[in-house]
Amino acid sequence: MPKYFADYDTIVHFIDEEELKKNHSGMPHAGNVIHIGKTHENNKHIIEYSLKLDSNPEFTSSILVSYARAVFRLSNLGESGAKTVLDVAPSLLSAKSKEELLKMI
């Protein structure tokens, strides 16, 4: 994203490891996404997603590990090539097997 901060007065502060651990290690993050759509019959439907994280870096790393797990599983199935998040079945992301996940339903 070239020039992402172009319209902002941005200042970078370097801190030591002690300061990072003491005051910045959690990095909480939150957000909401609301999508409204209509069917062909003109019925309105709303879906809401909410995210509340104690640690954005920990969450992000967990997502990366989950997709690495999925890529490994896809490779074991003989699949290769570029994939998007929409191409990966949610069951491939979990540390649990598909059978274990189905038992939880």
PDB file of N, CA and C in Angstrom:
ATOM      1  N   MET A   1       0.847  -1.172   0.000  1.00  0.00           N
ATOM      2  CA  MET A   1       0.000   0.000   0.000  1.00  0.00           C
ATOM      3  C   MET A   1       0.900   1.245   0.000  1.00  0.00           C
ATOM      4  N   PRO A   2       1.353   1.618  -1.172  1.00  0.00           N
ATOM      5  CA  PRO A   2       2.225   2.795  -1.249  1.00  0.00           C
ATOM      6  C   PRO A   2       1.559   4.038  -0.671  1.00  0.00           C
ATOM      7  N   LYS A   3       2.319   4.813   0.010  1.00  0.00           N
ATOM      8  CA  LYS A   3       1.876   6.104   0.565  1.00  0.00           C
ATOM      9  C   LYS A   3       0.696   5.960   1.531  1.00  0.00           C
ATOM     10  N   TYR A   4       0.634   4.818   2.259  1.00  0.00           N
ATOM     11  CA  TYR A   4      -0.459   4.567   3.196  1.00  0.00           C
ATOM     12  C   TYR A   4      -0.566   5.687   4.231  1.00  0.00           C
ATOM     13  N   PHE A   5       0.568   6.170   4.709  1.00  0.00           N
ATOM     14  CA  PHE A   5       0.572   7.212   5.734  1.00  0.00           C
ATOM     15  C   PHE A   5       0.776   8.611   5.146  1.00  0.00           C
ATOM     16  N   ALA A   6       0.631   8.763   3.846  1.00  0.00           N
ATOM     17  CA  ALA A   6       0.939  10.030   3.176  1.00  0.00           C
ATOM     18  C   ALA A   6       0.175  11.219   3.755  1.00  0.00           C
ATOM     19  N   ASP A   7      -1.078  11.021   4.123  1.00  0.00           N
ATOM     20  CA  ASP A   7      -1.898  12.136   4.624  1.00  0.00           C
ATOM     21  C   ASP A   7      -1.856  12.276   6.138  1.00  0.00           C
ATOM     22  N   TYR A   8      -0.978  11.514   6.800  1.00  0.00           N
ATOM     23  CA  TYR A   8      -0.880  11.547   8.253  1.00  0.00           C
ATOM     24  C   TYR A   8       0.466  12.120   8.679  1.00  0.00           C
ATOM     25  N   ASP A   9       0.459  12.814   9.782  1.00  0.00           N
ATOM     26  CA  ASP A   9       1.693  13.299  10.378  1.00  0.00           C
ATOM     27  C   ASP A   9       2.226  12.157  11.247  1.00  0.00           C
ATOM     28  N   THR A  10       3.119  11.348  10.701  1.00  0.00           N
ATOM     29  CA  THR A  10       3.562  10.112  11.336  1.00  0.00           C
ATOM     30  C   THR A  10       4.908  10.295  12.014  1.00  0.00           C
ATOM     31  N   ILE A  11       4.983   9.838  13.264  1.00  0.00           N
ATOM     32  CA  ILE A  11       6.230   9.871  14.026  1.00  0.00           C
ATOM     33  C   ILE A  11       6.522   8.456  14.492  1.00  0.00           C
ATOM     34  N   VAL A  12       7.744   8.004  14.318  1.00  0.00           N
ATOM     35  CA  VAL A  12       8.152   6.671  14.757  1.00  0.00           C
ATOM     36  C   VAL A  12       9.013   6.816  15.995  1.00  0.00           C
ATOM     37  N   HIS A  13       8.628   6.092  17.060  1.00  0.00           N
ATOM     38  CA  HIS A  13       9.406   6.080  18.299  1.00  0.00           C
ATOM     39  C   HIS A  13      10.001   4.697  18.487  1.00  0.00           C
ATOM     40  N   PHE A  14      11.305   4.628  18.691  1.00  0.00           N
ATOM     41  CA  PHE A  14      11.951   3.353  18.974  1.00  0.00           C
ATOM     42  C   PHE A  14      11.987   3.158  20.480  1.00  0.00           C
ATOM     43  N   ILE A  15      11.640   1.943  20.920  1.00  0.00           N
ATOM     44  CA  ILE A  15      11.626   1.634  22.348  1.00  0.00           C
ATOM     45  C   ILE A  15      12.474   0.388  22.589  1.00  0.00           C
ATOM     46  N   ASP A  16      12.909   0.228  23.846  1.00  0.00           N
ATOM     47  CA  ASP A  16      13.700  -0.963  24.154  1.00  0.00           C
ATOM     48  C   ASP A  16      12.778  -2.127  24.497  1.00  0.00           C
ATOM     49  N   GLU A  17      13.364  -3.317  24.636  1.00  0.00           N
ATOM     50  CA  GLU A  17      12.586  -4.534  24.880  1.00  0.00           C
ATOM     51  C   GLU A  17      11.805  -4.463  26.195  1.00  0.00           C
ATOM     52  N   GLU A  18      12.396  -3.859  27.214  1.00  0.00           N
ATOM     53  CA  GLU A  18      11.717  -3.737  28.512  1.00  0.00           C
ATOM     54  C   GLU A  18      10.433  -2.913  28.388  1.00  0.00           C
ATOM     55  N   GLU A  19      10.521  -1.780  27.694  1.00  0.00           N
ATOM     56  CA  GLU A  19       9.343  -0.941  27.467  1.00  0.00           C
ATOM     57  C   GLU A  19       8.292  -1.686  26.652  1.00  0.00           C
ATOM     58  N   LEU A  20       8.735  -2.424  25.635  1.00  0.00           N
ATOM     59  CA  LEU A  20       7.814  -3.198  24.811  1.00  0.00           C
ATOM     60  C   LEU A  20       7.038  -4.194  25.653  1.00  0.00           C
ATOM     61  N   LYS A  21       7.734  -4.972  26.462  1.00  0.00           N
ATOM     62  CA  LYS A  21       7.071  -5.987  27.287  1.00  0.00           C
ATOM     63  C   LYS A  21       6.167  -5.368  28.341  1.00  0.00           C
ATOM     64  N   LYS A  22       6.609  -4.274  28.941  1.00  0.00           N
ATOM     65  CA  LYS A  22       5.860  -3.656  30.040  1.00  0.00           C
ATOM     66  C   LYS A  22       4.578  -2.973  29.575  1.00  0.00           C
ATOM     67  N   ASN A  23       4.651  -2.242  28.488  1.00  0.00           N
ATOM     68  CA  ASN A  23       3.523  -1.382  28.122  1.00  0.00           C
ATOM     69  C   ASN A  23       2.881  -1.639  26.769  1.00  0.00           C
ATOM     70  N   HIS A  24       3.456  -2.535  25.959  1.00  0.00           N
ATOM     71  CA  HIS A  24       2.942  -2.663  24.601  1.00  0.00           C
ATOM     72  C   HIS A  24       2.772  -4.099  24.123  1.00  0.00           C
ATOM     73  N   SER A  25       2.954  -5.073  24.957  1.00  0.00           N
ATOM     74  CA  SER A  25       2.964  -6.457  24.478  1.00  0.00           C
ATOM     75  C   SER A  25       1.575  -6.998  24.155  1.00  0.00           C
ATOM     76  N   GLY A  26       0.549  -6.538  24.831  1.00  0.00           N
ATOM     77  CA  GLY A  26      -0.793  -7.069  24.579  1.00  0.00           C
ATOM     78  C   GLY A  26      -1.364  -6.626  23.247  1.00  0.00           C
ATOM     79  N   MET A  27      -1.253  -5.365  22.958  1.00  0.00           N
ATOM     80  CA  MET A  27      -1.796  -4.757  21.754  1.00  0.00           C
ATOM     81  C   MET A  27      -3.221  -5.213  21.455  1.00  0.00           C
ATOM     82  N   PRO A  28      -4.175  -4.874  22.327  1.00  0.00           N
ATOM     83  CA  PRO A  28      -5.564  -5.257  22.063  1.00  0.00           C
ATOM     84  C   PRO A  28      -6.081  -4.607  20.783  1.00  0.00           C
ATOM     85  N   HIS A  29      -7.105  -5.219  20.229  1.00  0.00           N
ATOM     86  CA  HIS A  29      -7.669  -4.729  18.976  1.00  0.00           C
ATOM     87  C   HIS A  29      -9.121  -5.183  18.916  1.00  0.00           C
ATOM     88  N   ALA A  30      -9.977  -4.385  18.307  1.00  0.00           N
ATOM     89  CA  ALA A  30     -11.386  -4.774  18.184  1.00  0.00           C
ATOM     90  C   ALA A  30     -11.982  -4.129  16.942  1.00  0.00           C
ATOM     91  N   GLY A  31     -13.085  -4.707  16.496  1.00  0.00           N
ATOM     92  CA  GLY A  31     -13.769  -4.132  15.356  1.00  0.00           C
ATOM     93  C   GLY A  31     -15.070  -4.851  15.071  1.00  0.00           C
ATOM     94  N   ASN A  32     -15.919  -4.209  14.296  1.00  0.00           N
ATOM     95  CA  ASN A  32     -17.206  -4.773  13.894  1.00  0.00           C
ATOM     96  C   ASN A  32     -17.407  -4.560  12.404  1.00  0.00           C
ATOM     97  N   VAL A  33     -17.982  -5.559  11.760  1.00  0.00           N
ATOM     98  CA  VAL A  33     -18.360  -5.449  10.355  1.00  0.00           C
ATOM     99  C   VAL A  33     -19.824  -5.842  10.264  1.00  0.00           C
ATOM    100  N   ILE A  34     -20.607  -5.009   9.624  1.00  0.00           N
ATOM    101  CA  ILE A  34     -22.033  -5.284   9.424  1.00  0.00           C
ATOM    102  C   ILE A  34     -22.300  -5.259   7.930  1.00  0.00           C
ATOM    103  N   HIS A  35     -22.922  -6.326   7.437  1.00  0.00           N
ATOM    104  CA  HIS A  35     -23.264  -6.394   6.011  1.00  0.00           C
ATOM    105  C   HIS A  35     -24.773  -6.585   5.883  1.00  0.00           C
ATOM    106  N   ILE A  36     -25.377  -5.793   5.026  1.00  0.00           N
ATOM    107  CA  ILE A  36     -26.819  -5.878   4.789  1.00  0.00           C
ATOM    108  C   ILE A  36     -27.035  -6.229   3.322  1.00  0.00           C
ATOM    109  N   GLY A  37     -27.882  -7.214   3.092  1.00  0.00           N
ATOM    110  CA  GLY A  37     -28.190  -7.613   1.725  1.00  0.00           C
ATOM    111  C   GLY A  37     -29.661  -7.949   1.582  1.00  0.00           C
ATOM    112  N   LYS A  38     -30.089  -8.108   0.347  1.00  0.00           N
ATOM    113  CA  LYS A  38     -31.480  -8.462   0.074  1.00  0.00           C
ATOM    114  C   LYS A  38     -31.518  -9.664  -0.855  1.00  0.00           C
ATOM    115  N   THR A  39     -32.528 -10.513  -0.661  1.00  0.00           N
ATOM    116  CA  THR A  39     -32.732 -11.653  -1.547  1.00  0.00           C
ATOM    117  C   THR A  39     -33.515 -11.200  -2.775  1.00  0.00           C
ATOM    118  N   HIS A  40     -33.729 -12.121  -3.696  1.00  0.00           N
ATOM    119  CA  HIS A  40     -34.519 -11.794  -4.890  1.00  0.00           C
ATOM    120  C   HIS A  40     -35.960 -11.460  -4.524  1.00  0.00           C
ATOM    121  N   GLU A  41     -36.400 -11.983  -3.375  1.00  0.00           N
ATOM    122  CA  GLU A  41     -37.766 -11.688  -2.908  1.00  0.00           C
ATOM    123  C   GLU A  41     -37.818 -10.382  -2.125  1.00  0.00           C
ATOM    124  N   ASN A  42     -36.691  -9.661  -2.094  1.00  0.00           N
ATOM    125  CA  ASN A  42     -36.584  -8.369  -1.427  1.00  0.00           C
ATOM    126  C   ASN A  42     -36.645  -8.468   0.101  1.00  0.00           C
ATOM    127  N   ASN A  43     -36.299  -9.638   0.640  1.00  0.00           N
ATOM    128  CA  ASN A  43     -36.167  -9.766   2.092  1.00  0.00           C
ATOM    129  C   ASN A  43     -34.784  -9.280   2.507  1.00  0.00           C
ATOM    130  N   LYS A  44     -34.761  -8.464   3.571  1.00  0.00           N
ATOM    131  CA  LYS A  44     -33.496  -7.903   4.042  1.00  0.00           C
ATOM    132  C   LYS A  44     -32.852  -8.853   5.044  1.00  0.00           C
ATOM    133  N   HIS A  45     -31.525  -9.035   4.931  1.00  0.00           N
ATOM    134  CA  HIS A  45     -30.773  -9.888   5.835  1.00  0.00           C
ATOM    135  C   HIS A  45     -29.531  -9.138   6.308  1.00  0.00           C
ATOM    136  N   ILE A  46     -29.224  -9.290   7.587  1.00  0.00           N
ATOM    137  CA  ILE A  46     -28.070  -8.613   8.173  1.00  0.00           C
ATOM    138  C   ILE A  46     -27.169  -9.659   8.812  1.00  0.00           C
ATOM    139  N   ILE A  47     -25.875  -9.553   8.539  1.00  0.00           N
ATOM    140  CA  ILE A  47     -24.904 -10.410   9.202  1.00  0.00           C
ATOM    141  C   ILE A  47     -23.885  -9.492   9.876  1.00  0.00           C
ATOM    142  N   GLU A  48     -23.539  -9.845  11.119  1.00  0.00           N
ATOM    143  CA  GLU A  48     -22.601  -9.032  11.877  1.00  0.00           C
ATOM    144  C   GLU A  48     -21.435  -9.888  12.345  1.00  0.00           C
ATOM    145  N   TYR A  49     -20.243  -9.342  12.206  1.00  0.00           N
ATOM    146  CA  TYR A  49     -19.038  -9.978  12.712  1.00  0.00           C
ATOM    147  C   TYR A  49     -18.432  -9.051  13.756  1.00  0.00           C
ATOM    148  N   SER A  50     -17.998  -9.619  14.863  1.00  0.00           N
ATOM    149  CA  SER A  50     -17.388  -8.834  15.916  1.00  0.00           C
ATOM    150  C   SER A  50     -16.074  -9.486  16.320  1.00  0.00           C
ATOM    151  N   LEU A  51     -15.082  -8.673  16.568  1.00  0.00           N
ATOM    152  CA  LEU A  51     -13.764  -9.162  16.942  1.00  0.00           C
ATOM    153  C   LEU A  51     -13.265  -8.366  18.132  1.00  0.00           C
ATOM    154  N   LYS A  52     -12.877  -9.063  19.196  1.00  0.00           N
ATOM    155  CA  LYS A  52     -12.319  -8.413  20.387  1.00  0.00           C
ATOM    156  C   LYS A  52     -11.105  -9.225  20.811  1.00  0.00           C
ATOM    157  N   LEU A  53      -9.924  -8.654  20.621  1.00  0.00           N
ATOM    158  CA  LEU A  53      -8.687  -9.371  20.876  1.00  0.00           C
ATOM    159  C   LEU A  53      -7.917  -8.751  22.035  1.00  0.00           C
ATOM    160  N   ASP A  54      -7.416  -9.591  22.920  1.00  0.00           N
ATOM    161  CA  ASP A  54      -6.498  -9.119  23.950  1.00  0.00           C
ATOM    162  C   ASP A  54      -5.124  -8.850  23.356  1.00  0.00           C
ATOM    163  N   SER A  55      -4.746  -9.661  22.353  1.00  0.00           N
ATOM    164  CA  SER A  55      -3.430  -9.513  21.727  1.00  0.00           C
ATOM    165  C   SER A  55      -3.545  -9.710  20.220  1.00  0.00           C
ATOM    166  N   ASN A  56      -3.500  -8.608  19.490  1.00  0.00           N
ATOM    167  CA  ASN A  56      -3.567  -8.686  18.040  1.00  0.00           C
ATOM    168  C   ASN A  56      -2.393  -9.483  17.454  1.00  0.00           C
ATOM    169  N   PRO A  57      -1.150  -9.288  17.928  1.00  0.00           N
ATOM    170  CA  PRO A  57      -0.041 -10.080  17.380  1.00  0.00           C
ATOM    171  C   PRO A  57      -0.209 -11.580  17.620  1.00  0.00           C
ATOM    172  N   GLU A  58      -0.689 -11.964  18.804  1.00  0.00           N
ATOM    173  CA  GLU A  58      -0.889 -13.387  19.090  1.00  0.00           C
ATOM    174  C   GLU A  58      -1.969 -13.967  18.188  1.00  0.00           C
ATOM    175  N   PHE A  59      -3.042 -13.233  17.992  1.00  0.00           N
ATOM    176  CA  PHE A  59      -4.125 -13.685  17.122  1.00  0.00           C
ATOM    177  C   PHE A  59      -3.627 -13.839  15.687  1.00  0.00           C
ATOM    178  N   THR A  60      -2.899 -12.833  15.206  1.00  0.00           N
ATOM    179  CA  THR A  60      -2.385 -12.869  13.841  1.00  0.00           C
ATOM    180  C   THR A  60      -1.455 -14.060  13.635  1.00  0.00           C
ATOM    181  N   SER A  61      -0.575 -14.304  14.598  1.00  0.00           N
ATOM    182  CA  SER A  61       0.332 -15.446  14.459  1.00  0.00           C
ATOM    183  C   SER A  61      -0.438 -16.760  14.491  1.00  0.00           C
ATOM    184  N   SER A  62      -1.500 -16.830  15.285  1.00  0.00           N
ATOM    185  CA  SER A  62      -2.327 -18.042  15.324  1.00  0.00           C
ATOM    186  C   SER A  62      -3.005 -18.300  13.987  1.00  0.00           C
ATOM    187  N   ILE A  63      -3.458 -17.252  13.335  1.00  0.00           N
ATOM    188  CA  ILE A  63      -4.076 -17.385  12.012  1.00  0.00           C
ATOM    189  C   ILE A  63      -3.045 -17.878  11.001  1.00  0.00           C
ATOM    190  N   LEU A  64      -1.842 -17.323  11.052  1.00  0.00           N
ATOM    191  CA  LEU A  64      -0.786 -17.749  10.125  1.00  0.00           C
ATOM    192  C   LEU A  64      -0.435 -19.221  10.331  1.00  0.00           C
ATOM    193  N   VAL A  65      -0.365 -19.653  11.585  1.00  0.00           N
ATOM    194  CA  VAL A  65      -0.086 -21.064  11.882  1.00  0.00           C
ATOM    195  C   VAL A  65      -1.226 -21.944  11.364  1.00  0.00           C
ATOM    196  N   SER A  66      -2.460 -21.492  11.531  1.00  0.00           N
ATOM    197  CA  SER A  66      -3.617 -22.261  11.052  1.00  0.00           C
ATOM    198  C   SER A  66      -3.578 -22.449   9.540  1.00  0.00           C
ATOM    199  N   TYR A  67      -3.229 -21.401   8.810  1.00  0.00           N
ATOM    200  CA  TYR A  67      -3.148 -21.533   7.359  1.00  0.00           C
ATOM    201  C   TYR A  67      -1.946 -22.359   6.927  1.00  0.00           C
ATOM    202  N   ALA A  68      -0.850 -22.308   7.685  1.00  0.00           N
ATOM    203  CA  ALA A  68       0.288 -23.191   7.390  1.00  0.00           C
ATOM    204  C   ALA A  68      -0.135 -24.648   7.568  1.00  0.00           C
ATOM    205  N   ARG A  69      -0.921 -24.907   8.621  1.00  0.00           N
ATOM    206  CA  ARG A  69      -1.452 -26.264   8.861  1.00  0.00           C
ATOM    207  C   ARG A  69      -2.318 -26.703   7.678  1.00  0.00           C
ATOM    208  N   ALA A  70      -3.162 -25.802   7.211  1.00  0.00           N
ATOM    209  CA  ALA A  70      -4.052 -26.125   6.089  1.00  0.00           C
ATOM    210  C   ALA A  70      -3.249 -26.401   4.818  1.00  0.00           C
ATOM    211  N   VAL A  71      -2.218 -25.620   4.570  1.00  0.00           N
ATOM    212  CA  VAL A  71      -1.383 -25.828   3.385  1.00  0.00           C
ATOM    213  C   VAL A  71      -0.698 -27.192   3.460  1.00  0.00           C
ATOM    214  N   PHE A  72      -0.226 -27.550   4.649  1.00  0.00           N
ATOM    215  CA  PHE A  72       0.397 -28.866   4.838  1.00  0.00           C
ATOM    216  C   PHE A  72      -0.608 -29.975   4.538  1.00  0.00           C
ATOM    217  N   ARG A  73      -1.812 -29.838   5.053  1.00  0.00           N
ATOM    218  CA  ARG A  73      -2.845 -30.846   4.807  1.00  0.00           C
ATOM    219  C   ARG A  73      -3.213 -30.922   3.332  1.00  0.00           C
ATOM    220  N   LEU A  74      -3.338 -29.767   2.680  1.00  0.00           N
ATOM    221  CA  LEU A  74      -3.646 -29.757   1.253  1.00  0.00           C
ATOM    222  C   LEU A  74      -2.522 -30.406   0.446  1.00  0.00           C
ATOM    223  N   SER A  75      -1.298 -30.142   0.845  1.00  0.00           N
ATOM    224  CA  SER A  75      -0.155 -30.766   0.168  1.00  0.00           C
ATOM    225  C   SER A  75      -0.196 -32.282   0.311  1.00  0.00           C
ATOM    226  N   ASN A  76      -0.548 -32.758   1.494  1.00  0.00           N
ATOM    227  CA  ASN A  76      -0.667 -34.202   1.714  1.00  0.00           C
ATOM    228  C   ASN A  76      -1.782 -34.824   0.872  1.00  0.00           C
ATOM    229  N   LEU A  77      -2.740 -34.005   0.470  1.00  0.00           N
ATOM    230  CA  LEU A  77      -3.823 -34.474  -0.406  1.00  0.00           C
ATOM    231  C   LEU A  77      -3.440 -34.358  -1.882  1.00  0.00           C
ATOM    232  N   GLY A  78      -2.204 -33.894  -2.134  1.00  0.00           N
ATOM    233  CA  GLY A  78      -1.725 -33.770  -3.506  1.00  0.00           C
ATOM    234  C   GLY A  78      -2.061 -32.443  -4.166  1.00  0.00           C
ATOM    235  N   GLU A  79      -2.591 -31.512  -3.417  1.00  0.00           N
ATOM    236  CA  GLU A  79      -2.950 -30.212  -3.993  1.00  0.00           C
ATOM    237  C   GLU A  79      -1.755 -29.272  -3.949  1.00  0.00           C
ATOM    238  N   SER A  80      -1.672 -28.416  -4.935  1.00  0.00           N
ATOM    239  CA  SER A  80      -0.619 -27.408  -4.965  1.00  0.00           C
ATOM    240  C   SER A  80      -1.143 -26.184  -5.696  1.00  0.00           C
ATOM    241  N   GLY A  81      -0.359 -25.143  -5.689  1.00  0.00           N
ATOM    242  CA  GLY A  81      -0.746 -23.919  -6.374  1.00  0.00           C
ATOM    243  C   GLY A  81      -1.293 -22.877  -5.419  1.00  0.00           C
ATOM    244  N   ALA A  82      -1.573 -21.720  -5.963  1.00  0.00           N
ATOM    245  CA  ALA A  82      -2.050 -20.598  -5.163  1.00  0.00           C
ATOM    246  C   ALA A  82      -3.472 -20.847  -4.670  1.00  0.00           C
ATOM    247  N   LYS A  83      -3.708 -20.494  -3.440  1.00  0.00           N
ATOM    248  CA  LYS A  83      -5.035 -20.596  -2.828  1.00  0.00           C
ATOM    249  C   LYS A  83      -5.360 -19.275  -2.151  1.00  0.00           C
ATOM    250  N   THR A  84      -6.632 -18.944  -2.090  1.00  0.00           N
ATOM    251  CA  THR A  84      -7.084 -17.809  -1.291  1.00  0.00           C
ATOM    252  C   THR A  84      -7.737 -18.362  -0.033  1.00  0.00           C
ATOM    253  N   VAL A  85      -8.036 -17.491   0.920  1.00  0.00           N
ATOM    254  CA  VAL A  85      -8.704 -17.958   2.134  1.00  0.00           C
ATOM    255  C   VAL A  85     -10.063 -18.568   1.815  1.00  0.00           C
ATOM    256  N   LEU A  86     -10.671 -18.174   0.714  1.00  0.00           N
ATOM    257  CA  LEU A  86     -11.958 -18.739   0.321  1.00  0.00           C
ATOM    258  C   LEU A  86     -11.829 -20.152  -0.233  1.00  0.00           C
ATOM    259  N   ASP A  87     -10.624 -20.535  -0.621  1.00  0.00           N
ATOM    260  CA  ASP A  87     -10.378 -21.877  -1.163  1.00  0.00           C
ATOM    261  C   ASP A  87     -10.092 -22.914  -0.080  1.00  0.00           C
ATOM    262  N   VAL A  88      -9.878 -22.479   1.141  1.00  0.00           N
ATOM    263  CA  VAL A  88      -9.465 -23.378   2.220  1.00  0.00           C
ATOM    264  C   VAL A  88     -10.658 -23.678   3.126  1.00  0.00           C
ATOM    265  N   ALA A  89     -11.001 -24.960   3.232  1.00  0.00           N
ATOM    266  CA  ALA A  89     -12.117 -25.365   4.100  1.00  0.00           C
ATOM    267  C   ALA A  89     -11.767 -25.065   5.560  1.00  0.00           C
ATOM    268  N   PRO A  90     -12.701 -24.519   6.330  1.00  0.00           N
ATOM    269  CA  PRO A  90     -12.426 -24.219   7.744  1.00  0.00           C
ATOM    270  C   PRO A  90     -11.905 -25.403   8.534  1.00  0.00           C
ATOM    271  N   SER A  91     -12.333 -26.612   8.204  1.00  0.00           N
ATOM    272  CA  SER A  91     -11.865 -27.783   8.957  1.00  0.00           C
ATOM    273  C   SER A  91     -10.368 -28.003   8.791  1.00  0.00           C
ATOM    274  N   LEU A  92      -9.779 -27.508   7.711  1.00  0.00           N
ATOM    275  CA  LEU A  92      -8.338 -27.657   7.505  1.00  0.00           C
ATOM    276  C   LEU A  92      -7.524 -26.730   8.398  1.00  0.00           C
ATOM    277  N   LEU A  93      -8.163 -25.713   8.943  1.00  0.00           N
ATOM    278  CA  LEU A  93      -7.463 -24.739   9.777  1.00  0.00           C
ATOM    279  C   LEU A  93      -7.274 -25.220  11.217  1.00  0.00           C
ATOM    280  N   SER A  94      -8.141 -26.071  11.687  1.00  0.00           N
ATOM    281  CA  SER A  94      -8.145 -26.489  13.083  1.00  0.00           C
ATOM    282  C   SER A  94      -7.037 -27.493  13.381  1.00  0.00           C
ATOM    283  N   ALA A  95      -6.534 -27.459  14.603  1.00  0.00           N
ATOM    284  CA  ALA A  95      -5.573 -28.463  15.061  1.00  0.00           C
ATOM    285  C   ALA A  95      -6.272 -29.810  15.249  1.00  0.00           C
ATOM    286  N   LYS A  96      -7.595 -29.771  15.390  1.00  0.00           N
ATOM    287  CA  LYS A  96      -8.369 -31.006  15.540  1.00  0.00           C
ATOM    288  C   LYS A  96      -8.625 -31.634  14.165  1.00  0.00           C
ATOM    289  N   SER A  97      -8.800 -32.926  14.147  1.00  0.00           N
ATOM    290  CA  SER A  97      -9.137 -33.607  12.893  1.00  0.00           C
ATOM    291  C   SER A  97     -10.590 -33.295  12.528  1.00  0.00           C
ATOM    292  N   LYS A  98     -10.937 -33.554  11.278  1.00  0.00           N
ATOM    293  CA  LYS A  98     -12.317 -33.339  10.839  1.00  0.00           C
ATOM    294  C   LYS A  98     -13.278 -34.186  11.667  1.00  0.00           C
ATOM    295  N   GLU A  99     -12.876 -35.403  11.988  1.00  0.00           N
ATOM    296  CA  GLU A  99     -13.707 -36.305  12.794  1.00  0.00           C
ATOM    297  C   GLU A  99     -13.941 -35.723  14.190  1.00  0.00           C
ATOM    298  N   GLU A 100     -12.869 -35.185  14.795  1.00  0.00           N
ATOM    299  CA  GLU A 100     -13.004 -34.580  16.123  1.00  0.00           C
ATOM    300  C   GLU A 100     -13.933 -33.367  16.073  1.00  0.00           C
ATOM    301  N   LEU A 101     -13.824 -32.579  15.024  1.00  0.00           N
ATOM    302  CA  LEU A 101     -14.688 -31.396  14.879  1.00  0.00           C
ATOM    303  C   LEU A 101     -16.145 -31.810  14.720  1.00  0.00           C
ATOM    304  N   LEU A 102     -16.402 -32.858  13.932  1.00  0.00           N
ATOM    305  CA  LEU A 102     -17.782 -33.307  13.722  1.00  0.00           C
ATOM    306  C   LEU A 102     -18.407 -33.825  15.017  1.00  0.00           C
ATOM    307  N   LYS A 103     -17.618 -34.417  15.878  1.00  0.00           N
ATOM    308  CA  LYS A 103     -18.132 -34.890  17.177  1.00  0.00           C
ATOM    309  C   LYS A 103     -18.567 -33.739  18.063  1.00  0.00           C
ATOM    310  N   MET A 104     -18.015 -32.577  17.838  1.00  0.00           N
ATOM    311  CA  MET A 104     -18.324 -31.397  18.665  1.00  0.00           C
ATOM    312  C   MET A 104     -19.632 -30.721  18.280  1.00  0.00           C
ATOM    313  N   ILE A 105     -20.178 -31.107  17.122  1.00  0.00           N
ATOM    314  CA  ILE A 105     -21.405 -30.450  16.633  1.00  0.00           C
ATOM    315  C   ILE A 105     -22.607 -30.972  17.373  1.00  0.00           C
TER     316      ILE A 105
END
